[in-house]
Amino acid sequence: MKKLVLTVLAAAGVFFSAQAVLAQQQAAALPVLTSKAYASMKKDDVYVVMFSAAYCGPCRVAKKELFPALIEKYRQDANVHFFMLDVEKDVPAADGTYLKDKWGVEGLPTFAVVYNDTVMYAARGYSAKTAPGIRQNIENKVNALK
């Protein structure tokens, strides 16, 4: 009986370790954007940008829950792009501007749907209560623009 319990505990430990590694890999694999990189991008595509920072708890949750699901949903749409922009690591455009200033980002996380260099939808904050509405609004706007 003791060996069975130890075997089950060991298997559970392996499973949860693998889940943690997978979550870290998914968060790390999210496309990253800087203000400098955006300045040279094609503007007639749809961009969904999540402004975040390492210290932001709701940002970390959205990186694991919301963004991977949206990226997967629109994976086949070549003109829809999803990016994470870490405000602490951002690199300004050649003219010295930052997207957070240009697009009026005042809190984290902020989700912006942008088309032709214009913010078409923006939402600030993220929680279990607001997540479904934010996701639906992003999807509605992306679907209308693509």
N, C-alpha and C. Protein backbone atom coordinates (compact mmCIF):
# COMPACT_ATOMS: atom_id res chain seq x y z
N MET A 1 0.82 -1.19 0.00
CA MET A 1 0.00 0.00 0.00
C MET A 1 0.87 1.26 0.00
N LYS A 2 1.93 1.21 0.81
CA LYS A 2 2.84 2.35 0.90
C LYS A 2 3.50 2.64 -0.44
N LYS A 3 3.89 1.57 -1.17
CA LYS A 3 4.51 1.75 -2.48
C LYS A 3 3.51 2.35 -3.48
N LEU A 4 2.26 1.95 -3.38
CA LEU A 4 1.22 2.48 -4.27
C LEU A 4 1.02 3.97 -4.03
N VAL A 5 0.98 4.38 -2.78
CA VAL A 5 0.80 5.80 -2.44
C VAL A 5 2.00 6.60 -2.95
N LEU A 6 3.20 6.08 -2.74
CA LEU A 6 4.40 6.78 -3.21
C LEU A 6 4.42 6.87 -4.73
N THR A 7 3.99 5.82 -5.40
CA THR A 7 3.94 5.84 -6.87
C THR A 7 2.95 6.88 -7.37
N VAL A 8 1.78 6.94 -6.73
CA VAL A 8 0.75 7.92 -7.12
C VAL A 8 1.26 9.34 -6.86
N LEU A 9 1.88 9.57 -5.73
CA LEU A 9 2.43 10.90 -5.42
C LEU A 9 3.52 11.29 -6.41
N ALA A 10 4.37 10.36 -6.77
CA ALA A 10 5.44 10.65 -7.73
C ALA A 10 4.85 10.99 -9.10
N ALA A 11 3.84 10.23 -9.52
CA ALA A 11 3.20 10.49 -10.81
C ALA A 11 2.52 11.85 -10.80
N ALA A 12 1.87 12.19 -9.70
CA ALA A 12 1.22 13.50 -9.60
C ALA A 12 2.26 14.62 -9.66
N GLY A 13 3.38 14.42 -9.01
CA GLY A 13 4.44 15.42 -9.04
C GLY A 13 4.97 15.64 -10.45
N VAL A 14 5.17 14.56 -11.18
CA VAL A 14 5.63 14.66 -12.57
C VAL A 14 4.60 15.39 -13.42
N PHE A 15 3.32 15.03 -13.24
CA PHE A 15 2.25 15.66 -14.01
C PHE A 15 2.20 17.17 -13.76
N PHE A 16 2.20 17.58 -12.50
CA PHE A 16 2.10 19.00 -12.19
C PHE A 16 3.36 19.77 -12.60
N SER A 17 4.51 19.12 -12.53
CA SER A 17 5.74 19.76 -13.02
C SER A 17 5.67 19.98 -14.53
N ALA A 18 5.16 18.99 -15.23
CA ALA A 18 5.02 19.12 -16.69
C ALA A 18 4.03 20.22 -17.04
N GLN A 19 2.93 20.32 -16.30
CA GLN A 19 1.94 21.37 -16.54
C GLN A 19 2.56 22.75 -16.32
N ALA A 20 3.36 22.91 -15.29
CA ALA A 20 4.00 24.19 -15.00
C ALA A 20 4.98 24.56 -16.10
N VAL A 21 5.74 23.59 -16.57
CA VAL A 21 6.69 23.85 -17.66
C VAL A 21 5.95 24.24 -18.93
N LEU A 22 4.86 23.54 -19.23
CA LEU A 22 4.07 23.85 -20.42
C LEU A 22 3.50 25.26 -20.34
N ALA A 23 2.98 25.65 -19.19
CA ALA A 23 2.45 27.01 -19.03
C ALA A 23 3.54 28.05 -19.22
N GLN A 24 4.73 27.81 -18.68
CA GLN A 24 5.85 28.74 -18.86
C GLN A 24 6.26 28.83 -20.32
N GLN A 25 6.27 27.69 -21.02
CA GLN A 25 6.65 27.70 -22.43
C GLN A 25 5.63 28.47 -23.26
N GLN A 26 4.34 28.29 -22.96
CA GLN A 26 3.31 29.01 -23.70
C GLN A 26 3.44 30.50 -23.47
N ALA A 27 3.65 30.91 -22.23
CA ALA A 27 3.80 32.34 -21.93
C ALA A 27 5.06 32.89 -22.59
N ALA A 28 6.13 32.10 -22.60
CA ALA A 28 7.38 32.57 -23.19
C ALA A 28 7.28 32.62 -24.71
N ALA A 29 6.43 31.80 -25.30
CA ALA A 29 6.33 31.71 -26.75
C ALA A 29 5.44 32.80 -27.35
N LEU A 30 4.82 33.61 -26.54
CA LEU A 30 3.96 34.66 -27.06
C LEU A 30 4.80 35.68 -27.83
N PRO A 31 4.33 36.10 -28.99
CA PRO A 31 5.09 37.08 -29.79
C PRO A 31 5.27 38.39 -29.03
N VAL A 32 6.46 38.94 -29.10
CA VAL A 32 6.81 40.16 -28.37
C VAL A 32 6.90 41.32 -29.37
N LEU A 33 6.48 42.49 -28.92
CA LEU A 33 6.49 43.69 -29.75
C LEU A 33 7.17 44.82 -28.99
N THR A 34 7.83 45.68 -29.73
CA THR A 34 8.35 46.94 -29.18
C THR A 34 7.80 48.07 -30.04
N SER A 35 7.84 49.25 -29.50
CA SER A 35 7.41 50.42 -30.26
C SER A 35 8.25 50.58 -31.52
N LYS A 36 9.54 50.29 -31.40
CA LYS A 36 10.44 50.39 -32.54
C LYS A 36 10.05 49.42 -33.65
N ALA A 37 9.76 48.18 -33.29
CA ALA A 37 9.38 47.17 -34.28
C ALA A 37 8.05 47.52 -34.93
N TYR A 38 7.09 47.99 -34.16
CA TYR A 38 5.78 48.33 -34.71
C TYR A 38 5.89 49.45 -35.75
N ALA A 39 6.79 50.38 -35.56
CA ALA A 39 6.93 51.52 -36.47
C ALA A 39 7.21 51.07 -37.90
N SER A 40 7.83 49.91 -38.08
CA SER A 40 8.16 49.45 -39.43
C SER A 40 7.19 48.40 -39.96
N MET A 41 6.12 48.12 -39.22
CA MET A 41 5.17 47.09 -39.65
C MET A 41 4.11 47.65 -40.58
N LYS A 42 3.55 46.75 -41.37
CA LYS A 42 2.44 47.06 -42.26
C LYS A 42 1.23 47.46 -41.42
N LYS A 43 0.60 48.56 -41.72
CA LYS A 43 -0.46 49.08 -40.86
C LYS A 43 -1.87 48.63 -41.26
N ASP A 44 -2.05 48.00 -42.44
CA ASP A 44 -3.39 47.62 -42.84
C ASP A 44 -3.75 46.20 -42.40
N ASP A 45 -3.02 45.66 -41.46
CA ASP A 45 -3.38 44.41 -40.80
C ASP A 45 -4.00 44.74 -39.45
N VAL A 46 -4.61 43.73 -38.83
CA VAL A 46 -5.20 43.90 -37.51
C VAL A 46 -4.17 43.45 -36.47
N TYR A 47 -3.91 44.31 -35.49
CA TYR A 47 -2.98 44.00 -34.41
C TYR A 47 -3.73 43.99 -33.08
N VAL A 48 -3.51 42.94 -32.31
CA VAL A 48 -4.03 42.89 -30.95
C VAL A 48 -2.80 42.89 -30.05
N VAL A 49 -2.70 43.93 -29.25
CA VAL A 49 -1.51 44.12 -28.42
C VAL A 49 -1.92 44.13 -26.97
N MET A 50 -1.24 43.33 -26.17
CA MET A 50 -1.46 43.34 -24.72
C MET A 50 -0.26 44.03 -24.09
N PHE A 51 -0.51 45.17 -23.47
CA PHE A 51 0.53 45.89 -22.72
C PHE A 51 0.60 45.26 -21.35
N SER A 52 1.80 44.92 -20.93
CA SER A 52 1.97 44.23 -19.66
C SER A 52 3.31 44.60 -19.03
N ALA A 53 3.54 44.04 -17.85
CA ALA A 53 4.82 44.18 -17.15
C ALA A 53 4.98 42.96 -16.25
N ALA A 54 6.20 42.62 -15.93
CA ALA A 54 6.50 41.44 -15.12
C ALA A 54 5.85 41.52 -13.74
N TYR A 55 5.74 42.70 -13.17
CA TYR A 55 5.20 42.85 -11.83
C TYR A 55 3.67 42.77 -11.78
N CYS A 56 3.01 42.74 -12.93
CA CYS A 56 1.55 42.81 -13.02
C CYS A 56 0.93 41.41 -12.92
N GLY A 57 0.28 41.12 -11.81
CA GLY A 57 -0.37 39.82 -11.61
C GLY A 57 -1.44 39.51 -12.64
N PRO A 58 -2.39 40.42 -12.86
CA PRO A 58 -3.41 40.15 -13.89
C PRO A 58 -2.82 39.95 -15.28
N CYS A 59 -1.69 40.59 -15.56
CA CYS A 59 -1.02 40.39 -16.85
C CYS A 59 -0.55 38.95 -16.98
N ARG A 60 0.03 38.42 -15.92
CA ARG A 60 0.52 37.04 -15.96
C ARG A 60 -0.63 36.06 -16.20
N VAL A 61 -1.77 36.31 -15.57
CA VAL A 61 -2.92 35.43 -15.76
C VAL A 61 -3.42 35.53 -17.20
N ALA A 62 -3.54 36.73 -17.73
CA ALA A 62 -4.01 36.91 -19.11
C ALA A 62 -3.05 36.27 -20.11
N LYS A 63 -1.75 36.31 -19.82
CA LYS A 63 -0.76 35.69 -20.69
C LYS A 63 -0.95 34.18 -20.76
N LYS A 64 -1.44 33.58 -19.68
CA LYS A 64 -1.66 32.14 -19.65
C LYS A 64 -3.03 31.76 -20.18
N GLU A 65 -4.04 32.57 -19.93
CA GLU A 65 -5.42 32.20 -20.25
C GLU A 65 -5.91 32.82 -21.56
N LEU A 66 -5.93 34.11 -21.62
CA LEU A 66 -6.59 34.81 -22.72
C LEU A 66 -5.77 34.79 -24.01
N PHE A 67 -4.55 35.24 -23.96
CA PHE A 67 -3.79 35.42 -25.19
C PHE A 67 -3.51 34.12 -25.94
N PRO A 68 -3.10 33.05 -25.28
CA PRO A 68 -2.89 31.80 -26.04
C PRO A 68 -4.17 31.32 -26.74
N ALA A 69 -5.31 31.47 -26.09
CA ALA A 69 -6.57 31.04 -26.70
C ALA A 69 -6.90 31.88 -27.93
N LEU A 70 -6.69 33.19 -27.84
CA LEU A 70 -6.96 34.06 -28.99
C LEU A 70 -5.98 33.79 -30.14
N ILE A 71 -4.73 33.60 -29.81
CA ILE A 71 -3.73 33.31 -30.84
C ILE A 71 -4.11 32.02 -31.58
N GLU A 72 -4.51 31.03 -30.83
CA GLU A 72 -4.91 29.76 -31.45
C GLU A 72 -6.14 29.94 -32.34
N LYS A 73 -7.11 30.70 -31.87
CA LYS A 73 -8.33 30.92 -32.64
C LYS A 73 -8.05 31.58 -33.99
N TYR A 74 -7.13 32.53 -34.03
CA TYR A 74 -6.85 33.30 -35.25
C TYR A 74 -5.56 32.87 -35.95
N ARG A 75 -5.06 31.71 -35.61
CA ARG A 75 -3.79 31.22 -36.17
C ARG A 75 -3.80 31.21 -37.70
N GLN A 76 -4.93 30.90 -38.31
CA GLN A 76 -5.02 30.79 -39.76
C GLN A 76 -5.22 32.13 -40.47
N ASP A 77 -5.50 33.19 -39.74
CA ASP A 77 -5.73 34.51 -40.32
C ASP A 77 -4.40 35.26 -40.46
N ALA A 78 -3.92 35.34 -41.69
CA ALA A 78 -2.60 35.94 -41.94
C ALA A 78 -2.56 37.44 -41.67
N ASN A 79 -3.71 38.10 -41.64
CA ASN A 79 -3.69 39.56 -41.42
C ASN A 79 -4.07 39.93 -39.99
N VAL A 80 -4.11 38.96 -39.08
CA VAL A 80 -4.39 39.23 -37.67
C VAL A 80 -3.16 38.82 -36.87
N HIS A 81 -2.62 39.76 -36.08
CA HIS A 81 -1.37 39.53 -35.35
C HIS A 81 -1.57 39.84 -33.87
N PHE A 82 -1.03 39.00 -33.02
CA PHE A 82 -1.11 39.17 -31.57
C PHE A 82 0.29 39.37 -31.02
N PHE A 83 0.41 40.37 -30.14
CA PHE A 83 1.71 40.68 -29.55
C PHE A 83 1.58 41.06 -28.09
N MET A 84 2.63 40.77 -27.34
CA MET A 84 2.80 41.24 -25.98
C MET A 84 3.78 42.40 -26.02
N LEU A 85 3.48 43.46 -25.31
CA LEU A 85 4.42 44.59 -25.22
C LEU A 85 4.67 44.85 -23.74
N ASP A 86 5.87 44.51 -23.30
CA ASP A 86 6.28 44.73 -21.91
C ASP A 86 6.72 46.19 -21.78
N VAL A 87 5.97 46.98 -21.03
CA VAL A 87 6.26 48.42 -20.94
C VAL A 87 7.60 48.70 -20.28
N GLU A 88 8.11 47.76 -19.50
CA GLU A 88 9.41 47.96 -18.86
C GLU A 88 10.57 47.67 -19.80
N LYS A 89 10.33 46.88 -20.85
CA LYS A 89 11.39 46.50 -21.78
C LYS A 89 11.19 47.13 -23.16
N ASP A 90 10.23 48.01 -23.30
CA ASP A 90 9.91 48.59 -24.59
C ASP A 90 11.07 49.43 -25.12
N VAL A 91 11.23 49.42 -26.43
CA VAL A 91 12.24 50.21 -27.12
C VAL A 91 11.49 51.24 -27.95
N PRO A 92 11.82 52.53 -27.79
CA PRO A 92 11.05 53.56 -28.52
C PRO A 92 11.27 53.49 -30.03
N ALA A 93 10.30 54.02 -30.75
CA ALA A 93 10.43 54.15 -32.20
C ALA A 93 11.56 55.15 -32.48
N ALA A 94 11.96 55.25 -33.73
CA ALA A 94 13.06 56.14 -34.11
C ALA A 94 12.82 57.58 -33.71
N ASP A 95 11.55 57.99 -33.66
CA ASP A 95 11.23 59.37 -33.28
C ASP A 95 11.11 59.55 -31.76
N GLY A 96 11.45 58.49 -31.00
CA GLY A 96 11.44 58.57 -29.54
C GLY A 96 10.10 58.29 -28.89
N THR A 97 9.09 57.92 -29.66
CA THR A 97 7.76 57.69 -29.10
C THR A 97 7.57 56.24 -28.67
N TYR A 98 6.67 56.07 -27.72
CA TYR A 98 6.28 54.76 -27.23
C TYR A 98 4.81 54.54 -27.56
N LEU A 99 4.46 53.30 -27.92
CA LEU A 99 3.07 52.99 -28.24
C LEU A 99 2.14 53.23 -27.05
N LYS A 100 2.62 52.95 -25.84
CA LYS A 100 1.76 53.16 -24.67
C LYS A 100 1.32 54.62 -24.57
N ASP A 101 2.18 55.54 -24.93
CA ASP A 101 1.83 56.96 -24.90
C ASP A 101 0.95 57.32 -26.10
N LYS A 102 1.33 56.83 -27.25
CA LYS A 102 0.60 57.12 -28.48
C LYS A 102 -0.84 56.61 -28.41
N TRP A 103 -1.02 55.44 -27.78
CA TRP A 103 -2.35 54.82 -27.73
C TRP A 103 -3.07 55.06 -26.40
N GLY A 104 -2.52 55.87 -25.54
CA GLY A 104 -3.20 56.26 -24.31
C GLY A 104 -3.32 55.17 -23.26
N VAL A 105 -2.34 54.32 -23.15
CA VAL A 105 -2.36 53.24 -22.16
C VAL A 105 -2.08 53.83 -20.79
N GLU A 106 -3.02 53.62 -19.87
CA GLU A 106 -2.89 54.21 -18.53
C GLU A 106 -2.82 53.18 -17.41
N GLY A 107 -3.01 51.92 -17.71
CA GLY A 107 -2.96 50.87 -16.70
C GLY A 107 -2.64 49.54 -17.35
N LEU A 108 -2.34 48.56 -16.51
CA LEU A 108 -1.97 47.24 -17.01
C LEU A 108 -2.86 46.17 -16.40
N PRO A 109 -3.13 45.13 -17.14
CA PRO A 109 -2.89 45.03 -18.57
C PRO A 109 -3.86 45.90 -19.35
N THR A 110 -3.44 46.31 -20.52
CA THR A 110 -4.33 46.97 -21.47
C THR A 110 -4.28 46.18 -22.76
N PHE A 111 -5.45 45.90 -23.30
CA PHE A 111 -5.59 45.19 -24.56
C PHE A 111 -6.03 46.19 -25.61
N ALA A 112 -5.33 46.25 -26.73
CA ALA A 112 -5.67 47.19 -27.79
C ALA A 112 -5.80 46.43 -29.11
N VAL A 113 -6.92 46.68 -29.79
CA VAL A 113 -7.10 46.16 -31.15
C VAL A 113 -6.86 47.36 -32.07
N VAL A 114 -5.88 47.23 -32.95
CA VAL A 114 -5.44 48.37 -33.76
C VAL A 114 -5.53 48.02 -35.24
N TYR A 115 -6.01 48.97 -36.02
CA TYR A 115 -6.10 48.82 -37.47
C TYR A 115 -5.77 50.17 -38.09
N ASN A 116 -4.91 50.15 -39.11
CA ASN A 116 -4.46 51.40 -39.76
C ASN A 116 -3.93 52.41 -38.74
N ASP A 117 -3.18 51.89 -37.78
CA ASP A 117 -2.54 52.70 -36.76
C ASP A 117 -3.53 53.46 -35.87
N THR A 118 -4.77 52.95 -35.80
CA THR A 118 -5.81 53.56 -34.96
C THR A 118 -6.33 52.51 -33.98
N VAL A 119 -6.43 52.88 -32.72
CA VAL A 119 -6.98 51.97 -31.72
C VAL A 119 -8.49 51.89 -31.95
N MET A 120 -8.95 50.69 -32.30
CA MET A 120 -10.36 50.47 -32.58
C MET A 120 -11.11 49.96 -31.35
N TYR A 121 -10.37 49.35 -30.42
CA TYR A 121 -10.95 48.85 -29.17
C TYR A 121 -9.82 48.81 -28.15
N ALA A 122 -10.13 49.17 -26.92
CA ALA A 122 -9.16 49.05 -25.83
C ALA A 122 -9.88 48.67 -24.55
N ALA A 123 -9.24 47.83 -23.76
CA ALA A 123 -9.77 47.44 -22.46
C ALA A 123 -8.62 47.40 -21.48
N ARG A 124 -8.88 47.88 -20.27
CA ARG A 124 -7.84 47.90 -19.23
C ARG A 124 -8.27 47.01 -18.09
N GLY A 125 -7.32 46.22 -17.58
CA GLY A 125 -7.58 45.33 -16.46
C GLY A 125 -7.94 43.93 -16.94
N TYR A 126 -7.86 42.97 -16.01
CA TYR A 126 -8.19 41.60 -16.33
C TYR A 126 -8.46 40.86 -15.04
N SER A 127 -9.58 40.15 -14.99
CA SER A 127 -9.92 39.31 -13.84
C SER A 127 -10.84 38.20 -14.34
N ALA A 128 -11.13 37.26 -13.47
CA ALA A 128 -12.06 36.19 -13.85
C ALA A 128 -13.41 36.76 -14.24
N LYS A 129 -13.80 37.84 -13.61
CA LYS A 129 -15.10 38.46 -13.89
C LYS A 129 -15.12 39.18 -15.24
N THR A 130 -14.04 39.85 -15.60
CA THR A 130 -14.01 40.63 -16.83
C THR A 130 -13.52 39.85 -18.04
N ALA A 131 -12.86 38.72 -17.83
CA ALA A 131 -12.24 37.96 -18.92
C ALA A 131 -13.20 37.61 -20.06
N PRO A 132 -14.39 37.06 -19.77
CA PRO A 132 -15.28 36.70 -20.89
C PRO A 132 -15.67 37.90 -21.75
N GLY A 133 -15.96 39.02 -21.13
CA GLY A 133 -16.34 40.21 -21.88
C GLY A 133 -15.20 40.76 -22.71
N ILE A 134 -14.01 40.78 -22.14
CA ILE A 134 -12.84 41.27 -22.88
C ILE A 134 -12.58 40.37 -24.08
N ARG A 135 -12.63 39.07 -23.87
CA ARG A 135 -12.39 38.14 -24.98
C ARG A 135 -13.44 38.34 -26.07
N GLN A 136 -14.70 38.42 -25.69
CA GLN A 136 -15.77 38.59 -26.68
C GLN A 136 -15.62 39.89 -27.44
N ASN A 137 -15.29 40.97 -26.75
CA ASN A 137 -15.12 42.26 -27.42
C ASN A 137 -13.93 42.26 -28.38
N ILE A 138 -12.84 41.62 -27.98
CA ILE A 138 -11.69 41.51 -28.87
C ILE A 138 -12.07 40.71 -30.11
N GLU A 139 -12.71 39.57 -29.91
CA GLU A 139 -13.12 38.74 -31.04
C GLU A 139 -14.08 39.49 -31.96
N ASN A 140 -15.05 40.17 -31.40
CA ASN A 140 -16.00 40.94 -32.22
C ASN A 140 -15.29 41.98 -33.06
N LYS A 141 -14.38 42.71 -32.45
CA LYS A 141 -13.68 43.76 -33.19
C LYS A 141 -12.75 43.19 -34.24
N VAL A 142 -12.02 42.13 -33.89
CA VAL A 142 -11.13 41.49 -34.86
C VAL A 142 -11.95 40.96 -36.05
N ASN A 143 -13.05 40.29 -35.76
CA ASN A 143 -13.88 39.73 -36.83
C ASN A 143 -14.44 40.84 -37.73
N ALA A 144 -14.77 41.97 -37.17
CA ALA A 144 -15.31 43.07 -37.96
C ALA A 144 -14.22 43.72 -38.84
N LEU A 145 -12.98 43.64 -38.41
CA LEU A 145 -11.90 44.33 -39.13
C LEU A 145 -11.16 43.45 -40.13
N LYS A 146 -11.16 42.15 -39.93
CA LYS A 146 -10.31 41.31 -40.79
C LYS A 146 -10.89 41.11 -42.17
